[in-house]
Amino acid sequence: MSEQKKNGFTKLFGHILFAACIAFTGTASAGNPKVKMNTNKGTVIIELYPDKAPETVKNFLHYVNKGRYDGTIFHRVIKGFMNQGGGYSHQYKLVETFPPVKNEADNGLKNTRGSIAMARTSDPDSAKNQFFINTADNKILDHTAKTAKGWGYCVFGDVIEGMDVMDRIAKVKTRGHGPFAADAPMVQVSIRSIVVIEADDKK
């Protein structure tokens, strides 16, 4: 092979490898905001995707920056499904909320294990502060159509560190408490704080 052909092959291989790396990383980006969630079960790092769910991420960070998640709980835990929190105090009182955010579940992101999504009522555009972290692949929650039944639940980020913490939470014993059927942890799971961190600050 001539030197010119070798150089051409090297450049072509480099372009292919670069494209493959981009495809592999998917939505992950060094510029994406990340938050650190401190719980009484451990620390979780979550990467958010403002390019995919701009209004949802903006809404979530509004609560984070106002400290509205500090001192809340995971009030609903369903093993093999998801852990839901952010909306209730330790006294099981609803915390103050901002106006609801438009549903962005049609952004192509899926409710796969480790993803974080917004909780809501039967109204597709009713999400406020409550979120859940999927502890299994939950295709049933994905967007399928712009209808009341098909809107799905908006994914706006992924757990990138501490999924073992979410798994520990998923294993806690639960009971019925107030409106939570049999899904409220018997021993409360606290969200001590959620704060924005720099990309290289995970301590």
N, C-alpha and C. Protein backbone atom coordinates (compact mmCIF):
# COMPACT_ATOMS: atom_id res chain seq x y z
N MET A 1 0.86 -1.20 0.00
CA MET A 1 0.00 0.00 0.00
C MET A 1 0.89 1.24 0.00
N SER A 2 0.59 2.20 -0.90
CA SER A 2 1.38 3.42 -0.98
C SER A 2 1.17 4.27 0.26
N GLU A 3 2.13 5.19 0.52
CA GLU A 3 2.02 6.07 1.70
C GLU A 3 0.78 6.94 1.62
N GLN A 4 0.43 7.37 0.40
CA GLN A 4 -0.76 8.21 0.22
C GLN A 4 -2.03 7.44 0.58
N LYS A 5 -2.09 6.16 0.14
CA LYS A 5 -3.26 5.34 0.46
C LYS A 5 -3.35 5.05 1.95
N LYS A 6 -2.16 4.81 2.58
CA LYS A 6 -2.15 4.56 4.02
C LYS A 6 -2.69 5.76 4.79
N ASN A 7 -2.25 6.96 4.37
CA ASN A 7 -2.72 8.18 5.03
C ASN A 7 -4.22 8.36 4.86
N GLY A 8 -4.70 8.05 3.64
CA GLY A 8 -6.12 8.17 3.37
C GLY A 8 -6.93 7.18 4.19
N PHE A 9 -6.41 5.95 4.31
CA PHE A 9 -7.09 4.93 5.11
C PHE A 9 -7.14 5.33 6.58
N THR A 10 -6.02 5.88 7.08
CA THR A 10 -5.94 6.30 8.48
C THR A 10 -6.96 7.39 8.77
N LYS A 11 -7.07 8.36 7.87
CA LYS A 11 -8.03 9.45 8.05
C LYS A 11 -9.47 8.92 8.04
N LEU A 12 -9.75 8.01 7.08
CA LEU A 12 -11.09 7.45 6.97
C LEU A 12 -11.44 6.67 8.23
N PHE A 13 -10.50 5.85 8.74
CA PHE A 13 -10.75 5.08 9.95
C PHE A 13 -11.00 5.99 11.14
N GLY A 14 -10.23 7.09 11.17
CA GLY A 14 -10.39 8.06 12.26
C GLY A 14 -11.78 8.67 12.25
N HIS A 15 -12.29 9.02 11.05
CA HIS A 15 -13.63 9.59 10.93
C HIS A 15 -14.70 8.59 11.37
N ILE A 16 -14.52 7.33 10.98
CA ILE A 16 -15.47 6.29 11.35
C ILE A 16 -15.48 6.09 12.86
N LEU A 17 -14.28 6.03 13.46
CA LEU A 17 -14.17 5.84 14.91
C LEU A 17 -14.79 7.01 15.65
N PHE A 18 -14.57 8.24 15.17
CA PHE A 18 -15.15 9.43 15.81
C PHE A 18 -16.67 9.38 15.76
N ALA A 19 -17.21 8.99 14.60
CA ALA A 19 -18.66 8.90 14.45
C ALA A 19 -19.24 7.83 15.36
N ALA A 20 -18.52 6.71 15.50
CA ALA A 20 -18.98 5.64 16.37
C ALA A 20 -19.01 6.08 17.82
N CYS A 21 -18.01 6.85 18.20
CA CYS A 21 -17.96 7.36 19.58
C CYS A 21 -19.15 8.27 19.87
N ILE A 22 -19.49 9.12 18.90
CA ILE A 22 -20.64 10.01 19.07
C ILE A 22 -21.92 9.19 19.20
N ALA A 23 -22.06 8.17 18.35
CA ALA A 23 -23.27 7.34 18.39
C ALA A 23 -23.37 6.60 19.72
N PHE A 24 -22.21 6.15 20.23
CA PHE A 24 -22.22 5.38 21.48
C PHE A 24 -22.63 6.22 22.68
N THR A 25 -22.17 7.47 22.71
CA THR A 25 -22.45 8.30 23.87
C THR A 25 -23.89 8.78 23.91
N GLY A 26 -24.60 8.74 22.80
CA GLY A 26 -26.02 9.10 22.78
C GLY A 26 -26.26 10.51 23.26
N THR A 27 -27.09 10.66 24.31
CA THR A 27 -27.45 11.99 24.79
C THR A 27 -26.43 12.57 25.75
N ALA A 28 -25.47 11.76 26.20
CA ALA A 28 -24.48 12.25 27.16
C ALA A 28 -23.60 13.32 26.53
N SER A 29 -23.30 14.35 27.27
CA SER A 29 -22.46 15.43 26.79
C SER A 29 -21.77 16.09 27.96
N ALA A 30 -20.51 16.51 27.74
CA ALA A 30 -19.76 17.17 28.80
C ALA A 30 -20.44 18.44 29.26
N GLY A 31 -21.27 19.04 28.37
CA GLY A 31 -21.92 20.29 28.72
C GLY A 31 -23.25 20.14 29.43
N ASN A 32 -23.74 18.92 29.58
CA ASN A 32 -25.02 18.72 30.23
C ASN A 32 -24.93 19.00 31.73
N PRO A 33 -25.95 19.66 32.31
CA PRO A 33 -25.94 19.88 33.76
C PRO A 33 -26.06 18.57 34.51
N LYS A 34 -25.44 18.52 35.67
CA LYS A 34 -25.52 17.34 36.53
C LYS A 34 -25.91 17.78 37.93
N VAL A 35 -26.65 16.95 38.61
CA VAL A 35 -27.03 17.25 39.99
C VAL A 35 -26.61 16.11 40.90
N LYS A 36 -26.36 16.45 42.15
CA LYS A 36 -26.02 15.46 43.17
C LYS A 36 -27.18 15.38 44.15
N MET A 37 -27.74 14.18 44.28
CA MET A 37 -28.83 13.94 45.22
C MET A 37 -28.27 13.20 46.43
N ASN A 38 -28.37 13.85 47.59
CA ASN A 38 -27.94 13.23 48.83
C ASN A 38 -29.15 12.64 49.54
N THR A 39 -29.11 11.34 49.79
CA THR A 39 -30.20 10.66 50.49
C THR A 39 -29.63 9.95 51.73
N ASN A 40 -30.51 9.46 52.58
CA ASN A 40 -30.04 8.70 53.73
C ASN A 40 -29.66 7.27 53.36
N LYS A 41 -29.73 6.96 52.06
CA LYS A 41 -29.29 5.66 51.55
C LYS A 41 -28.02 5.78 50.72
N GLY A 42 -27.55 7.01 50.51
CA GLY A 42 -26.36 7.22 49.70
C GLY A 42 -26.54 8.38 48.73
N THR A 43 -25.51 8.59 47.91
CA THR A 43 -25.48 9.72 46.98
C THR A 43 -25.66 9.25 45.54
N VAL A 44 -26.42 10.03 44.78
CA VAL A 44 -26.72 9.71 43.39
C VAL A 44 -26.36 10.91 42.52
N ILE A 45 -25.70 10.66 41.40
CA ILE A 45 -25.40 11.71 40.42
C ILE A 45 -26.29 11.51 39.20
N ILE A 46 -26.96 12.58 38.80
CA ILE A 46 -27.90 12.51 37.68
C ILE A 46 -27.50 13.52 36.61
N GLU A 47 -27.41 13.06 35.37
CA GLU A 47 -27.14 13.94 34.24
C GLU A 47 -28.47 14.30 33.57
N LEU A 48 -28.64 15.59 33.28
CA LEU A 48 -29.88 16.09 32.69
C LEU A 48 -29.68 16.41 31.21
N TYR A 49 -30.77 16.36 30.43
CA TYR A 49 -30.69 16.54 28.98
C TYR A 49 -31.53 17.73 28.51
N PRO A 50 -31.03 18.94 28.67
CA PRO A 50 -31.80 20.12 28.26
C PRO A 50 -32.05 20.20 26.76
N ASP A 51 -31.23 19.53 25.98
CA ASP A 51 -31.46 19.54 24.53
C ASP A 51 -32.67 18.71 24.15
N LYS A 52 -33.00 17.72 24.97
CA LYS A 52 -34.13 16.83 24.70
C LYS A 52 -35.41 17.27 25.41
N ALA A 53 -35.25 17.84 26.60
CA ALA A 53 -36.42 18.23 27.41
C ALA A 53 -36.14 19.59 28.07
N PRO A 54 -36.05 20.65 27.26
CA PRO A 54 -35.63 21.96 27.79
C PRO A 54 -36.52 22.52 28.88
N GLU A 55 -37.83 22.46 28.72
CA GLU A 55 -38.73 23.03 29.72
C GLU A 55 -38.75 22.19 30.99
N THR A 56 -38.65 20.88 30.82
CA THR A 56 -38.67 19.98 31.97
C THR A 56 -37.40 20.15 32.80
N VAL A 57 -36.26 20.22 32.14
CA VAL A 57 -34.99 20.42 32.86
C VAL A 57 -34.99 21.78 33.56
N LYS A 58 -35.46 22.80 32.86
CA LYS A 58 -35.54 24.14 33.46
C LYS A 58 -36.41 24.12 34.71
N ASN A 59 -37.54 23.42 34.62
CA ASN A 59 -38.47 23.31 35.75
C ASN A 59 -37.81 22.58 36.92
N PHE A 60 -37.17 21.44 36.64
CA PHE A 60 -36.52 20.65 37.67
C PHE A 60 -35.42 21.46 38.36
N LEU A 61 -34.60 22.15 37.58
CA LEU A 61 -33.51 22.95 38.15
C LEU A 61 -34.03 24.14 38.95
N HIS A 62 -35.21 24.63 38.59
CA HIS A 62 -35.83 25.71 39.36
C HIS A 62 -36.08 25.24 40.79
N TYR A 63 -36.65 24.04 40.92
CA TYR A 63 -36.88 23.47 42.25
C TYR A 63 -35.56 23.21 42.97
N VAL A 64 -34.58 22.69 42.23
CA VAL A 64 -33.27 22.41 42.83
C VAL A 64 -32.64 23.68 43.37
N ASN A 65 -32.60 24.72 42.55
CA ASN A 65 -31.93 25.96 42.94
C ASN A 65 -32.67 26.71 44.05
N LYS A 66 -33.95 26.46 44.18
CA LYS A 66 -34.73 27.07 45.26
C LYS A 66 -34.71 26.22 46.54
N GLY A 67 -34.04 25.07 46.48
CA GLY A 67 -33.96 24.19 47.64
C GLY A 67 -35.26 23.48 47.97
N ARG A 68 -36.16 23.38 47.00
CA ARG A 68 -37.48 22.82 47.27
C ARG A 68 -37.47 21.29 47.44
N TYR A 69 -36.38 20.64 47.00
CA TYR A 69 -36.31 19.19 47.20
C TYR A 69 -35.64 18.82 48.52
N ASP A 70 -34.98 19.78 49.15
CA ASP A 70 -34.26 19.50 50.39
C ASP A 70 -35.25 19.15 51.50
N GLY A 71 -35.02 18.01 52.16
CA GLY A 71 -35.91 17.60 53.24
C GLY A 71 -37.19 16.93 52.78
N THR A 72 -37.25 16.51 51.51
CA THR A 72 -38.41 15.76 51.03
C THR A 72 -38.10 14.26 51.13
N ILE A 73 -39.00 13.44 50.65
CA ILE A 73 -38.85 11.99 50.78
C ILE A 73 -39.19 11.27 49.48
N PHE A 74 -38.74 10.01 49.40
CA PHE A 74 -39.27 9.10 48.39
C PHE A 74 -40.52 8.49 49.02
N HIS A 75 -41.67 8.99 48.62
CA HIS A 75 -42.92 8.59 49.27
C HIS A 75 -43.57 7.36 48.64
N ARG A 76 -43.08 6.97 47.49
CA ARG A 76 -43.71 5.86 46.76
C ARG A 76 -42.61 5.00 46.14
N VAL A 77 -42.52 3.77 46.59
CA VAL A 77 -41.49 2.85 46.11
C VAL A 77 -42.16 1.54 45.68
N ILE A 78 -42.00 1.20 44.42
CA ILE A 78 -42.58 -0.04 43.89
C ILE A 78 -41.44 -0.88 43.31
N LYS A 79 -41.12 -1.96 44.00
CA LYS A 79 -40.00 -2.82 43.60
C LYS A 79 -40.20 -3.32 42.17
N GLY A 80 -39.12 -3.27 41.39
CA GLY A 80 -39.19 -3.71 40.01
C GLY A 80 -39.88 -2.74 39.09
N PHE A 81 -40.08 -1.52 39.56
CA PHE A 81 -40.77 -0.51 38.76
C PHE A 81 -40.09 0.86 38.88
N MET A 82 -40.33 1.57 40.00
CA MET A 82 -39.73 2.89 40.13
C MET A 82 -39.77 3.39 41.57
N ASN A 83 -38.93 4.42 41.84
CA ASN A 83 -38.91 5.14 43.12
C ASN A 83 -39.36 6.57 42.85
N GLN A 84 -40.40 7.01 43.53
CA GLN A 84 -40.98 8.34 43.28
C GLN A 84 -40.81 9.25 44.49
N GLY A 85 -40.43 10.49 44.25
CA GLY A 85 -40.24 11.42 45.37
C GLY A 85 -40.27 12.86 44.94
N GLY A 86 -39.86 13.71 45.91
CA GLY A 86 -39.73 15.13 45.63
C GLY A 86 -40.93 15.99 45.95
N GLY A 87 -42.06 15.38 46.33
CA GLY A 87 -43.27 16.17 46.49
C GLY A 87 -43.82 16.26 47.90
N TYR A 88 -43.28 15.45 48.82
CA TYR A 88 -43.83 15.41 50.17
C TYR A 88 -42.73 15.61 51.22
N SER A 89 -43.12 16.25 52.31
CA SER A 89 -42.23 16.42 53.46
C SER A 89 -42.25 15.15 54.31
N HIS A 90 -41.44 15.12 55.37
CA HIS A 90 -41.43 13.98 56.28
C HIS A 90 -42.75 13.81 57.02
N GLN A 91 -43.53 14.86 57.04
CA GLN A 91 -44.86 14.82 57.67
C GLN A 91 -45.94 14.45 56.67
N TYR A 92 -45.53 14.04 55.47
CA TYR A 92 -46.43 13.68 54.38
C TYR A 92 -47.33 14.84 53.97
N LYS A 93 -46.76 16.04 54.03
CA LYS A 93 -47.46 17.22 53.55
C LYS A 93 -46.88 17.62 52.20
N LEU A 94 -47.76 17.99 51.27
CA LEU A 94 -47.30 18.43 49.96
C LEU A 94 -46.47 19.70 50.11
N VAL A 95 -45.33 19.74 49.42
CA VAL A 95 -44.50 20.93 49.47
C VAL A 95 -44.96 21.91 48.40
N GLU A 96 -44.61 23.17 48.58
CA GLU A 96 -45.07 24.23 47.66
C GLU A 96 -44.52 24.01 46.26
N THR A 97 -45.36 24.24 45.27
CA THR A 97 -44.97 24.00 43.89
C THR A 97 -45.09 25.25 43.03
N PHE A 98 -44.46 25.16 41.87
CA PHE A 98 -44.58 26.18 40.83
C PHE A 98 -45.61 25.69 39.80
N PRO A 99 -45.98 26.51 38.83
CA PRO A 99 -46.96 26.06 37.82
C PRO A 99 -46.49 24.81 37.09
N PRO A 100 -47.42 24.00 36.58
CA PRO A 100 -47.05 22.77 35.88
C PRO A 100 -46.28 23.05 34.59
N VAL A 101 -45.58 22.03 34.15
CA VAL A 101 -44.74 22.15 32.95
C VAL A 101 -45.36 21.34 31.81
N LYS A 102 -45.16 21.79 30.59
CA LYS A 102 -45.67 21.09 29.41
C LYS A 102 -44.98 19.74 29.27
N ASN A 103 -45.75 18.73 28.92
CA ASN A 103 -45.23 17.39 28.74
C ASN A 103 -44.33 17.32 27.51
N GLU A 104 -43.09 16.89 27.70
CA GLU A 104 -42.14 16.75 26.60
C GLU A 104 -41.76 15.28 26.38
N ALA A 105 -42.68 14.38 26.69
CA ALA A 105 -42.39 12.95 26.58
C ALA A 105 -42.20 12.48 25.14
N ASP A 106 -42.53 13.34 24.18
CA ASP A 106 -42.34 12.98 22.77
C ASP A 106 -40.93 13.31 22.29
N ASN A 107 -39.97 13.34 23.21
CA ASN A 107 -38.60 13.74 22.86
C ASN A 107 -37.71 12.58 22.43
N GLY A 108 -38.25 11.38 22.40
CA GLY A 108 -37.48 10.21 21.96
C GLY A 108 -36.80 9.46 23.08
N LEU A 109 -36.74 10.04 24.27
CA LEU A 109 -36.11 9.35 25.40
C LEU A 109 -37.08 8.33 25.99
N LYS A 110 -36.54 7.21 26.46
CA LYS A 110 -37.36 6.11 26.95
C LYS A 110 -37.22 5.93 28.46
N ASN A 111 -38.27 5.36 29.05
CA ASN A 111 -38.27 5.06 30.48
C ASN A 111 -37.53 3.75 30.74
N THR A 112 -36.22 3.79 30.52
CA THR A 112 -35.38 2.64 30.75
C THR A 112 -34.80 2.69 32.17
N ARG A 113 -34.28 1.58 32.63
CA ARG A 113 -33.69 1.52 33.96
C ARG A 113 -32.64 2.63 34.14
N GLY A 114 -32.75 3.37 35.25
CA GLY A 114 -31.80 4.43 35.54
C GLY A 114 -32.20 5.79 35.04
N SER A 115 -33.25 5.88 34.25
CA SER A 115 -33.70 7.18 33.75
C SER A 115 -34.57 7.88 34.79
N ILE A 116 -34.56 9.21 34.76
CA ILE A 116 -35.41 10.01 35.65
C ILE A 116 -36.49 10.66 34.80
N ALA A 117 -37.72 10.62 35.29
CA ALA A 117 -38.86 11.16 34.54
C ALA A 117 -39.77 11.92 35.50
N MET A 118 -40.65 12.74 34.93
CA MET A 118 -41.59 13.50 35.73
C MET A 118 -42.85 12.71 36.02
N ALA A 119 -43.28 12.76 37.28
CA ALA A 119 -44.56 12.18 37.66
C ALA A 119 -45.66 13.20 37.36
N ARG A 120 -46.88 12.73 37.19
CA ARG A 120 -48.00 13.62 36.87
C ARG A 120 -49.31 12.93 37.18
N THR A 121 -50.40 13.66 37.02
CA THR A 121 -51.73 13.09 37.15
C THR A 121 -52.18 12.58 35.78
N SER A 122 -53.46 12.32 35.63
CA SER A 122 -53.99 11.87 34.33
C SER A 122 -53.92 12.96 33.27
N ASP A 123 -53.75 14.20 33.69
CA ASP A 123 -53.56 15.31 32.75
C ASP A 123 -52.12 15.27 32.26
N PRO A 124 -51.87 15.10 30.95
CA PRO A 124 -50.51 15.00 30.44
C PRO A 124 -49.61 16.18 30.80
N ASP A 125 -50.19 17.38 30.95
CA ASP A 125 -49.41 18.58 31.21
C ASP A 125 -49.50 19.03 32.67
N SER A 126 -49.54 18.08 33.59
CA SER A 126 -49.74 18.41 35.00
C SER A 126 -48.50 18.24 35.88
N ALA A 127 -47.35 17.86 35.29
CA ALA A 127 -46.15 17.62 36.09
C ALA A 127 -45.68 18.92 36.76
N LYS A 128 -45.33 18.81 38.03
CA LYS A 128 -44.82 19.96 38.79
C LYS A 128 -43.44 19.64 39.37
N ASN A 129 -43.43 19.10 40.59
CA ASN A 129 -42.13 18.85 41.23
C ASN A 129 -41.81 17.37 41.42
N GLN A 130 -42.81 16.51 41.41
CA GLN A 130 -42.55 15.10 41.68
C GLN A 130 -41.90 14.41 40.48
N PHE A 131 -40.91 13.58 40.78
CA PHE A 131 -40.17 12.85 39.76
C PHE A 131 -40.06 11.39 40.19
N PHE A 132 -39.65 10.55 39.28
CA PHE A 132 -39.37 9.16 39.64
C PHE A 132 -38.16 8.67 38.87
N ILE A 133 -37.49 7.71 39.47
CA ILE A 133 -36.34 7.07 38.83
C ILE A 133 -36.72 5.63 38.54
N ASN A 134 -36.64 5.26 37.28
CA ASN A 134 -37.00 3.91 36.85
C ASN A 134 -35.97 2.91 37.36
N THR A 135 -36.43 1.86 38.04
CA THR A 135 -35.53 0.81 38.49
C THR A 135 -35.66 -0.45 37.63
N ALA A 136 -36.39 -0.30 36.53
CA ALA A 136 -36.53 -1.35 35.52
C ALA A 136 -36.85 -0.66 34.20
N ASP A 137 -36.81 -1.41 33.11
CA ASP A 137 -37.24 -0.87 31.82
C ASP A 137 -38.76 -0.84 31.81
N ASN A 138 -39.33 0.37 31.72
CA ASN A 138 -40.78 0.53 31.81
C ASN A 138 -41.35 1.11 30.52
N LYS A 139 -41.40 0.26 29.50
CA LYS A 139 -41.89 0.67 28.20
C LYS A 139 -43.31 1.20 28.25
N ILE A 140 -44.09 0.70 29.20
CA ILE A 140 -45.48 1.11 29.34
C ILE A 140 -45.61 2.60 29.63
N LEU A 141 -44.55 3.23 30.11
CA LEU A 141 -44.58 4.66 30.46
C LEU A 141 -44.13 5.56 29.31
N ASP A 142 -43.69 4.97 28.20
CA ASP A 142 -43.16 5.75 27.08
C ASP A 142 -44.26 6.43 26.27
N HIS A 143 -43.88 7.51 25.61
CA HIS A 143 -44.79 8.23 24.71
C HIS A 143 -45.10 7.38 23.49
N THR A 144 -46.38 7.29 23.15
CA THR A 144 -46.78 6.57 21.94
C THR A 144 -47.64 7.43 21.01
N ALA A 145 -48.37 8.38 21.59
CA ALA A 145 -49.23 9.25 20.77
C ALA A 145 -49.61 10.48 21.59
N LYS A 146 -49.98 11.55 20.88
CA LYS A 146 -50.37 12.78 21.57
C LYS A 146 -51.85 12.73 21.94
N THR A 147 -52.15 11.74 22.77
CA THR A 147 -53.51 11.56 23.29
C THR A 147 -53.41 11.42 24.80
N ALA A 148 -54.53 11.48 25.48
CA ALA A 148 -54.53 11.37 26.95
C ALA A 148 -53.86 10.07 27.41
N LYS A 149 -54.11 8.97 26.69
CA LYS A 149 -53.54 7.68 27.08
C LYS A 149 -52.13 7.48 26.55
N GLY A 150 -51.81 8.16 25.46
CA GLY A 150 -50.54 7.88 24.80
C GLY A 150 -49.39 8.82 25.11
N TRP A 151 -49.65 9.92 25.84
CA TRP A 151 -48.60 10.92 26.05
C TRP A 151 -47.39 10.37 26.78
N GLY A 152 -47.59 9.51 27.74
CA GLY A 152 -46.47 8.95 28.47
C GLY A 152 -45.87 9.92 29.48
N TYR A 153 -44.71 9.53 30.01
CA TYR A 153 -44.05 10.28 31.08
C TYR A 153 -42.68 10.75 30.60
N CYS A 154 -42.42 12.04 30.78
CA CYS A 154 -41.24 12.66 30.18
C CYS A 154 -39.95 12.29 30.90
N VAL A 155 -39.06 11.63 30.19
CA VAL A 155 -37.70 11.36 30.67
C VAL A 155 -36.85 12.59 30.37
N PHE A 156 -36.04 13.01 31.36
CA PHE A 156 -35.20 14.20 31.15
C PHE A 156 -33.78 14.04 31.66
N GLY A 157 -33.39 12.82 32.00
CA GLY A 157 -32.03 12.58 32.46
C GLY A 157 -31.80 11.13 32.81
N ASP A 158 -30.57 10.85 33.27
CA ASP A 158 -30.19 9.49 33.65
C ASP A 158 -29.31 9.51 34.89
N VAL A 159 -29.44 8.50 35.71
CA VAL A 159 -28.51 8.28 36.81
C VAL A 159 -27.19 7.81 36.21
N ILE A 160 -26.10 8.54 36.48
CA ILE A 160 -24.80 8.14 35.95
C ILE A 160 -23.88 7.59 37.04
N GLU A 161 -24.23 7.84 38.30
CA GLU A 161 -23.53 7.22 39.43
C GLU A 161 -24.55 7.01 40.56
N GLY A 162 -24.41 5.87 41.24
CA GLY A 162 -25.27 5.64 42.40
C GLY A 162 -26.54 4.86 42.13
N MET A 163 -26.59 4.13 41.01
CA MET A 163 -27.79 3.33 40.76
C MET A 163 -27.95 2.26 41.84
N ASP A 164 -26.85 1.87 42.47
CA ASP A 164 -26.93 0.92 43.58
C ASP A 164 -27.73 1.50 44.75
N VAL A 165 -27.68 2.83 44.90
CA VAL A 165 -28.47 3.50 45.93
C VAL A 165 -29.96 3.35 45.60
N MET A 166 -30.30 3.57 44.34
CA MET A 166 -31.69 3.42 43.91
C MET A 166 -32.17 1.98 44.11
N ASP A 167 -31.28 1.02 43.88
CA ASP A 167 -31.64 -0.38 44.08
C ASP A 167 -31.87 -0.69 45.56
N ARG A 168 -31.07 -0.06 46.43
CA ARG A 168 -31.28 -0.25 47.87
C ARG A 168 -32.63 0.33 48.30
N ILE A 169 -32.94 1.49 47.75
CA ILE A 169 -34.24 2.10 48.07
C ILE A 169 -35.37 1.20 47.58
N ALA A 170 -35.19 0.61 46.41
CA ALA A 170 -36.23 -0.24 45.82
C ALA A 170 -36.54 -1.47 46.67
N LYS A 171 -35.61 -1.83 47.55
CA LYS A 171 -35.78 -3.04 48.36
C LYS A 171 -36.38 -2.78 49.74
N VAL A 172 -36.64 -1.51 50.07
CA VAL A 172 -37.16 -1.23 51.42
C VAL A 172 -38.57 -1.79 51.57
N LYS A 173 -38.93 -2.11 52.80
CA LYS A 173 -40.27 -2.59 53.08
C LYS A 173 -41.25 -1.42 53.03
N THR A 174 -42.41 -1.66 52.46
CA THR A 174 -43.40 -0.59 52.30
C THR A 174 -44.71 -0.96 53.00
N ARG A 175 -45.57 0.03 53.12
CA ARG A 175 -46.87 -0.14 53.77
C ARG A 175 -47.84 0.87 53.18
N GLY A 176 -49.08 0.73 53.49
CA GLY A 176 -50.05 1.74 53.12
C GLY A 176 -49.96 2.92 54.07
N HIS A 177 -49.97 4.11 53.50
CA HIS A 177 -49.94 5.31 54.33
C HIS A 177 -50.64 6.43 53.57
N GLY A 178 -51.76 6.90 54.10
CA GLY A 178 -52.51 7.96 53.42
C GLY A 178 -52.93 7.51 52.03
N PRO A 179 -52.59 8.31 51.01
CA PRO A 179 -53.03 7.99 49.65
C PRO A 179 -52.10 7.04 48.91
N PHE A 180 -51.11 6.47 49.59
CA PHE A 180 -50.07 5.73 48.89
C PHE A 180 -50.27 4.22 48.88
N ALA A 181 -51.48 3.76 49.04
CA ALA A 181 -51.81 2.32 48.95
C ALA A 181 -50.83 1.53 49.82
N ALA A 182 -50.02 0.67 49.20
CA ALA A 182 -49.07 -0.13 49.97
C ALA A 182 -47.63 0.23 49.61
N ASP A 183 -47.42 1.44 49.11
CA ASP A 183 -46.14 1.77 48.49
C ASP A 183 -45.27 2.74 49.28
N ALA A 184 -45.69 3.17 50.47
CA ALA A 184 -44.89 4.11 51.26
C ALA A 184 -43.87 3.34 52.10
N PRO A 185 -42.58 3.72 52.03
CA PRO A 185 -41.58 3.03 52.85
C PRO A 185 -41.93 3.06 54.34
N MET A 186 -41.76 1.94 55.00
CA MET A 186 -42.03 1.86 56.44
C MET A 186 -41.06 2.75 57.21
N VAL A 187 -39.80 2.75 56.78
CA VAL A 187 -38.80 3.67 57.32
C VAL A 187 -38.52 4.69 56.23
N GLN A 188 -38.76 5.95 56.52
CA GLN A 188 -38.70 6.97 55.48
C GLN A 188 -37.34 7.05 54.78
N VAL A 189 -37.41 7.25 53.47
CA VAL A 189 -36.21 7.46 52.66
C VAL A 189 -36.10 8.95 52.37
N SER A 190 -35.12 9.59 52.95
CA SER A 190 -35.00 11.05 52.88
C SER A 190 -34.18 11.52 51.69
N ILE A 191 -34.66 12.59 51.07
CA ILE A 191 -33.85 13.34 50.11
C ILE A 191 -33.31 14.54 50.90
N ARG A 192 -32.09 14.45 51.35
CA ARG A 192 -31.53 15.50 52.19
C ARG A 192 -31.30 16.78 51.39
N SER A 193 -30.83 16.61 50.17
CA SER A 193 -30.62 17.77 49.30
C SER A 193 -30.41 17.31 47.87
N ILE A 194 -30.68 18.22 46.94
CA ILE A 194 -30.29 18.05 45.54
C ILE A 194 -29.62 19.36 45.12
N VAL A 195 -28.40 19.28 44.63
CA VAL A 195 -27.66 20.48 44.24
C VAL A 195 -27.03 20.29 42.87
N VAL A 196 -26.88 21.37 42.15
CA VAL A 196 -26.19 21.35 40.87
C VAL A 196 -24.70 21.24 41.14
N ILE A 197 -24.01 20.41 40.37
CA ILE A 197 -22.56 20.26 40.52
C ILE A 197 -21.87 20.52 39.19
N GLU A 198 -20.60 20.81 39.25
CA GLU A 198 -19.80 20.93 38.02
C GLU A 198 -19.54 19.53 37.49
N ALA A 199 -19.21 19.46 36.21
CA ALA A 199 -19.01 18.16 35.57
C ALA A 199 -17.91 17.35 36.23
N ASP A 200 -16.90 18.04 36.78
CA ASP A 200 -15.76 17.31 37.37
C ASP A 200 -15.82 17.29 38.90
N ASP A 201 -16.97 17.67 39.48
CA ASP A 201 -17.10 17.70 40.93
C ASP A 201 -18.16 16.71 41.36
N LYS A 202 -17.73 15.53 41.75
CA LYS A 202 -18.67 14.48 42.14
C LYS A 202 -18.46 14.07 43.59
N LYS A 203 -17.80 14.87 44.36
CA LYS A 203 -17.52 14.56 45.76
C LYS A 203 -18.70 14.96 46.64
